[in-house]
Amino acid sequence: MGSSLDDLKAWIGRSETMRDQVGATPVNALNATLDHAAAPVEAGAPLPPLWHWLYFLPLHRQSEIGPDGHARRGGFLPPVPLPRRMWAGSQFEFRSPVRVGDAVERASTIADVTVKEGRTGKLVFVKVRHELRCNGAADPAIVEFHDIVYREARRAGDVEPTPHAAEAGARWQRRIVPDDVLLFRYSALTFNGHRIHYDRKYVTEVEGYPGLVVHGPLIATLLMDLVRRNAPDADIATFRFKAVRPTFDLAAFLVNGQPQPDGSIKLWAEDHEGWLTMDAVATLRGA
């Protein structure tokens, strides 16, 4: 792994640029998926925070797909020689609105590759910086850091991390039922072929999870949507989240929000047993 890691570090600094058009149909589709009432989406309407994930989709050819449903290792992302890949967290700066009708460009750069030793074996973390620009602007509208973690295959006797109890007494709370249809629709909207989200036989027999894994980005989107539902005029300046524990489709889970005295909003998700699964915070512009 040491020599492989040296090879992987050669990916640091690699970049790619993608272009897209912010159309209304994905916005309508995600509104429906999150159970919002149907409403017309006009040209010029700003995207809610995180909804830029509906664009710049990974349009790999079918022949390029690996056994887990992701694109085969290599290309822009480094070919990490570990079988399990998860979205570990992200950090965002929302500098200016992205609007329906905008021509958008995303410049992505491998910012770092690091290796750690965890209780279940080797971990490789890849950090990607994305800068999203609208209509040829020089300054980015969104700056995003995306943290990806690669793990070794699950082994008999692996000890899971100690869970942490979620806080109680949230001012805002919503119960989410992560059924197969919700997971399928979100996978389809983001063109995410990762089989852990829809292939029960694969996720239980190959990756060793007890059920379908709820997408980390979906949970993060639900946390942002909780703010949208309870403070629709909030102007989000920054947001960060960290996935703490997997969430499965075996039971309902909760997304929670608690405005703070400093003007930020503490956000978190918890599973049906009350364990913290995602920890997040949003700051408001001008707070």
Protein backbone atom coordinates (compact mmCIF):
# COMPACT_ATOMS: atom_id res chain seq x y z
CA MET A 1 0.00 0.00 0.00
CA GLY A 2 2.92 2.35 0.69
CA SER A 3 4.21 2.31 -2.89
CA SER A 4 0.63 2.44 -4.20
CA LEU A 5 0.00 5.53 -2.10
CA ASP A 6 3.08 7.21 -3.56
CA ASP A 7 1.63 6.52 -6.99
CA LEU A 8 -1.77 7.90 -5.94
CA LYS A 9 -0.22 11.16 -4.74
CA ALA A 10 0.76 11.81 -8.36
CA TRP A 11 -2.94 12.56 -8.92
CA ILE A 12 -2.76 15.66 -6.68
CA GLY A 13 -3.22 18.72 -8.87
CA ARG A 14 -4.99 16.89 -11.68
CA SER A 15 -8.00 18.79 -12.94
CA GLU A 16 -10.93 18.58 -15.28
CA THR A 17 -13.58 21.03 -16.44
CA MET A 18 -17.21 20.24 -17.22
CA ARG A 19 -19.98 22.41 -18.63
CA ASP A 20 -23.74 22.20 -18.27
CA GLN A 21 -26.97 24.18 -18.50
CA VAL A 22 -29.19 24.65 -15.44
CA GLY A 23 -32.52 23.30 -16.66
CA ALA A 24 -35.86 23.37 -14.86
CA THR A 25 -36.76 19.68 -15.17
CA PRO A 26 -34.24 18.38 -12.57
CA VAL A 27 -35.45 21.09 -10.17
CA ASN A 28 -39.06 20.00 -10.60
CA ALA A 29 -38.03 16.36 -10.18
CA LEU A 30 -36.14 16.93 -6.93
CA ASN A 31 -38.98 19.08 -5.59
CA ALA A 32 -41.29 16.12 -6.19
CA THR A 33 -38.80 13.65 -4.68
CA LEU A 34 -38.55 15.76 -1.50
CA ASP A 35 -42.37 15.94 -1.38
CA HIS A 36 -42.84 19.63 -2.13
CA ALA A 37 -46.05 20.77 -3.77
CA ALA A 38 -45.80 21.22 -7.53
CA ALA A 39 -44.99 24.82 -8.49
CA PRO A 40 -43.74 26.37 -11.73
CA VAL A 41 -39.98 26.90 -11.95
CA GLU A 42 -39.26 30.04 -13.95
CA ALA A 43 -36.06 30.98 -15.73
CA GLY A 44 -33.90 32.97 -13.34
CA ALA A 45 -35.13 31.14 -10.22
CA PRO A 46 -32.21 30.51 -7.83
CA LEU A 47 -31.29 26.93 -6.99
CA PRO A 48 -31.61 25.96 -3.32
CA PRO A 49 -28.25 25.12 -1.70
CA LEU A 50 -26.78 21.78 -2.87
CA TRP A 51 -29.11 21.47 -5.86
CA HIS A 52 -26.15 22.10 -8.17
CA TRP A 53 -25.55 18.36 -7.60
CA LEU A 54 -28.33 17.78 -10.16
CA TYR A 55 -25.91 18.90 -12.88
CA PHE A 56 -22.46 17.83 -14.12
CA LEU A 57 -23.61 14.23 -13.87
CA PRO A 58 -21.10 11.37 -14.34
CA LEU A 59 -22.07 10.19 -17.83
CA HIS A 60 -19.71 7.24 -18.12
CA ARG A 61 -20.32 4.69 -20.87
CA GLN A 62 -21.80 1.39 -19.72
CA SER A 63 -18.58 -0.41 -20.68
CA GLU A 64 -16.68 1.85 -18.24
CA ILE A 65 -18.71 0.84 -15.18
CA GLY A 66 -17.02 -1.28 -12.50
CA PRO A 67 -18.54 -4.10 -10.43
CA ASP A 68 -19.81 -1.70 -7.72
CA GLY A 69 -21.73 0.45 -10.23
CA HIS A 70 -19.21 3.30 -10.14
CA ALA A 71 -16.93 4.07 -13.05
CA ARG A 72 -13.85 1.87 -13.04
CA ARG A 73 -10.94 3.29 -11.03
CA GLY A 74 -8.62 5.71 -12.75
CA GLY A 75 -9.30 8.65 -15.02
CA PHE A 76 -9.80 11.89 -13.05
CA LEU A 77 -10.03 10.23 -9.61
CA PRO A 78 -6.99 8.19 -8.54
CA PRO A 79 -7.25 4.38 -8.87
CA VAL A 80 -7.36 3.64 -5.13
CA PRO A 81 -6.87 -0.14 -4.66
CA LEU A 82 -9.57 -0.48 -2.00
CA PRO A 83 -13.04 -1.84 -2.81
CA ARG A 84 -15.43 0.27 -0.71
CA ARG A 85 -16.01 3.93 -1.58
CA MET A 86 -18.16 6.40 0.37
CA TRP A 87 -18.86 10.15 0.42
CA ALA A 88 -17.35 11.20 3.78
CA GLY A 89 -18.34 14.87 3.83
CA SER A 90 -18.19 18.24 2.11
CA GLN A 91 -17.61 21.93 2.77
CA PHE A 92 -19.23 24.73 0.75
CA GLU A 93 -19.08 28.46 0.19
CA PHE A 94 -22.21 29.78 -1.53
CA ARG A 95 -20.93 33.10 -2.88
CA SER A 96 -23.62 34.03 -5.40
CA PRO A 97 -26.82 32.42 -6.75
CA VAL A 98 -26.92 29.76 -9.44
CA ARG A 99 -30.11 30.26 -11.44
CA VAL A 100 -32.28 28.24 -13.79
CA GLY A 101 -31.11 29.02 -17.30
CA ASP A 102 -27.49 29.69 -16.37
CA ALA A 103 -24.66 28.25 -18.43
CA VAL A 104 -22.41 26.73 -15.79
CA GLU A 105 -18.84 25.47 -15.71
CA ARG A 106 -17.27 23.33 -12.98
CA ALA A 107 -13.49 23.17 -12.60
CA SER A 108 -12.44 20.24 -10.40
CA THR A 109 -8.99 19.61 -8.93
CA ILE A 110 -7.59 16.77 -6.81
CA ALA A 111 -6.55 18.76 -3.74
CA ASP A 112 -5.11 15.96 -1.58
CA VAL A 113 -4.68 12.21 -1.19
CA THR A 114 -3.91 10.82 2.29
CA VAL A 115 -3.84 7.38 3.89
CA LYS A 116 -4.74 6.45 7.44
CA GLU A 117 -4.93 3.28 9.47
CA GLY A 118 -8.39 2.67 10.92
CA ARG A 119 -9.75 -0.02 13.16
CA THR A 120 -11.00 -1.86 10.07
CA GLY A 121 -7.77 -1.46 8.07
CA LYS A 122 -6.41 1.02 5.56
CA LEU A 123 -8.35 4.16 4.70
CA VAL A 124 -7.55 6.43 1.76
CA PHE A 125 -9.05 9.93 1.71
CA VAL A 126 -9.29 11.91 -1.52
CA LYS A 127 -10.21 15.60 -1.33
CA VAL A 128 -11.55 17.25 -4.49
CA ARG A 129 -12.02 21.02 -4.90
CA HIS A 130 -14.83 22.14 -7.21
CA GLU A 131 -15.35 25.70 -8.41
CA LEU A 132 -18.65 26.41 -10.16
CA ARG A 133 -18.94 29.50 -12.36
CA CYS A 134 -22.01 30.92 -14.10
CA ASN A 135 -22.23 32.52 -17.53
CA GLY A 136 -18.48 32.96 -17.97
CA ALA A 137 -17.95 34.84 -14.70
CA ALA A 138 -14.39 35.07 -13.39
CA ASP A 139 -15.35 34.43 -9.78
CA PRO A 140 -16.95 31.16 -8.66
CA ALA A 141 -20.54 31.14 -7.45
CA ILE A 142 -19.88 28.00 -5.37
CA VAL A 143 -16.66 26.59 -3.96
CA GLU A 144 -17.00 23.00 -2.77
CA PHE A 145 -14.60 20.54 -1.17
CA HIS A 146 -15.66 16.90 -1.55
CA ASP A 147 -14.16 14.28 0.77
CA ILE A 148 -14.18 10.68 -0.50
CA VAL A 149 -13.07 7.74 1.66
CA TYR A 150 -11.99 4.34 0.34
CA ARG A 151 -12.00 1.33 2.69
CA GLU A 152 -10.89 -2.26 2.69
CA ALA A 153 -13.49 -5.00 2.22
CA ARG A 154 -15.50 -5.82 5.32
CA ARG A 155 -14.07 -8.76 7.26
CA ALA A 156 -15.61 -11.10 9.81
CA GLY A 157 -14.94 -9.77 13.28
CA ASP A 158 -14.48 -6.14 12.24
CA VAL A 159 -15.31 -3.82 15.13
CA GLU A 160 -17.58 -0.93 14.22
CA PRO A 161 -16.81 2.56 15.58
CA THR A 162 -18.52 3.44 18.84
CA PRO A 163 -21.77 5.24 18.00
CA HIS A 164 -22.60 8.64 19.47
CA ALA A 165 -26.03 9.62 20.70
CA ALA A 166 -27.72 12.42 18.80
CA GLU A 167 -28.73 15.57 20.64
CA ALA A 168 -32.33 15.93 21.82
CA GLY A 169 -34.66 18.90 21.75
CA ALA A 170 -34.28 20.09 18.16
CA ARG A 171 -36.45 23.07 17.27
CA TRP A 172 -36.95 21.68 13.74
CA GLN A 173 -37.40 18.00 12.99
CA ARG A 174 -38.67 15.90 10.09
CA ARG A 175 -39.15 12.14 9.89
CA ILE A 176 -37.91 10.54 6.66
CA VAL A 177 -38.90 7.07 5.41
CA PRO A 178 -36.02 5.91 3.15
CA ASP A 179 -37.96 3.45 1.02
CA ASP A 180 -36.66 1.87 -2.18
CA VAL A 181 -38.47 4.41 -4.35
CA LEU A 182 -36.89 7.44 -2.63
CA LEU A 183 -33.43 5.94 -2.98
CA PHE A 184 -34.05 4.95 -6.60
CA ARG A 185 -35.36 8.40 -7.55
CA TYR A 186 -32.39 10.17 -5.97
CA SER A 187 -29.95 7.77 -7.65
CA ALA A 188 -31.66 8.43 -10.97
CA LEU A 189 -31.66 12.21 -10.51
CA THR A 190 -27.93 12.24 -9.79
CA PHE A 191 -27.14 9.41 -12.25
CA ASN A 192 -25.52 7.52 -9.38
CA GLY A 193 -24.98 3.88 -10.33
CA HIS A 194 -23.44 2.84 -7.00
CA ARG A 195 -25.17 -0.47 -6.24
CA ILE A 196 -25.20 0.01 -2.46
CA HIS A 197 -28.20 2.32 -2.91
CA TYR A 198 -30.51 0.01 -4.90
CA ASP A 199 -29.13 -3.54 -5.19
CA ARG A 200 -30.03 -5.34 -1.95
CA LYS A 201 -28.32 -8.59 -2.91
CA TYR A 202 -25.08 -6.79 -3.74
CA VAL A 203 -25.04 -4.52 -0.68
CA THR A 204 -25.74 -7.35 1.78
CA GLU A 205 -23.76 -10.19 0.22
CA VAL A 206 -20.78 -8.35 -1.29
CA GLU A 207 -20.30 -5.24 0.85
CA GLY A 208 -21.74 -6.77 4.01
CA TYR A 209 -24.19 -4.04 4.99
CA PRO A 210 -27.56 -4.94 6.57
CA GLY A 211 -29.63 -3.00 4.02
CA LEU A 212 -29.56 -0.40 1.27
CA VAL A 213 -27.38 2.58 2.16
CA VAL A 214 -29.08 5.99 2.14
CA HIS A 215 -26.98 8.41 0.07
CA GLY A 216 -24.93 10.82 2.16
CA PRO A 217 -25.68 13.66 -0.30
CA LEU A 218 -29.40 12.90 -0.01
CA ILE A 219 -29.24 13.24 3.78
CA ALA A 220 -27.26 16.49 3.41
CA THR A 221 -29.88 17.75 0.94
CA LEU A 222 -32.64 16.85 3.40
CA LEU A 223 -30.85 18.86 6.10
CA MET A 224 -30.69 21.88 3.80
CA ASP A 225 -34.31 21.28 2.85
CA LEU A 226 -35.21 21.35 6.55
CA VAL A 227 -33.83 24.90 6.69
CA ARG A 228 -35.76 25.78 3.54
CA ARG A 229 -39.01 24.52 5.09
CA ASN A 230 -38.56 26.30 8.43
CA ALA A 231 -36.63 29.44 7.47
CA PRO A 232 -37.41 30.00 3.77
CA ASP A 233 -35.74 33.43 3.71
CA ALA A 234 -32.44 32.18 5.17
CA ASP A 235 -29.49 33.14 2.98
CA ILE A 236 -26.97 30.33 3.40
CA ALA A 237 -23.34 31.48 3.12
CA THR A 238 -21.49 28.30 4.11
CA PHE A 239 -22.36 24.71 4.88
CA ARG A 240 -20.35 21.72 5.95
CA PHE A 241 -21.32 18.18 6.79
CA LYS A 242 -19.61 15.02 7.94
CA ALA A 243 -21.02 11.52 7.58
CA VAL A 244 -20.64 9.85 10.98
CA ARG A 245 -22.47 6.55 10.61
CA PRO A 246 -24.24 4.82 7.69
CA THR A 247 -28.01 5.09 7.42
CA PHE A 248 -29.93 2.12 6.03
CA ASP A 249 -33.38 1.72 4.54
CA LEU A 250 -34.49 -0.57 7.36
CA ALA A 251 -36.21 2.13 9.43
CA ALA A 252 -37.23 5.78 9.36
CA PHE A 253 -34.67 8.40 10.39
CA LEU A 254 -34.82 12.02 11.57
CA VAL A 255 -33.29 15.23 10.25
CA ASN A 256 -32.94 17.95 12.88
CA GLY A 257 -32.14 21.65 13.06
CA GLN A 258 -31.36 24.07 15.88
CA PRO A 259 -30.71 27.79 15.24
CA GLN A 260 -27.77 29.03 17.35
CA PRO A 261 -27.27 32.35 19.18
CA ASP A 262 -24.48 33.33 16.77
CA GLY A 263 -26.83 33.08 13.80
CA SER A 264 -25.60 29.71 12.55
CA ILE A 265 -27.82 26.64 12.31
CA LYS A 266 -26.74 23.33 13.80
CA LEU A 267 -28.04 20.43 11.72
CA TRP A 268 -27.86 16.70 12.26
CA ALA A 269 -29.41 13.39 11.28
CA GLU A 270 -30.09 10.44 13.54
CA ASP A 271 -31.18 6.87 12.95
CA HIS A 272 -34.13 5.05 14.53
CA GLU A 273 -31.98 4.09 17.53
CA GLY A 274 -31.05 7.70 18.23
CA TRP A 275 -27.45 7.42 16.97
CA LEU A 276 -25.91 10.42 15.23
CA THR A 277 -25.42 9.69 11.52
CA MET A 278 -24.55 13.10 10.06
CA ASP A 279 -23.23 16.24 11.72
CA ALA A 280 -23.53 19.58 9.93
CA VAL A 281 -23.63 23.35 10.36
CA ALA A 282 -24.83 26.18 8.13
CA THR A 283 -23.93 29.83 8.50
CA LEU A 284 -26.09 32.70 7.26
CA ARG A 285 -24.86 35.63 5.24
CA GLY A 286 -24.42 38.66 7.46
CA ALA A 287 -24.71 36.69 10.70
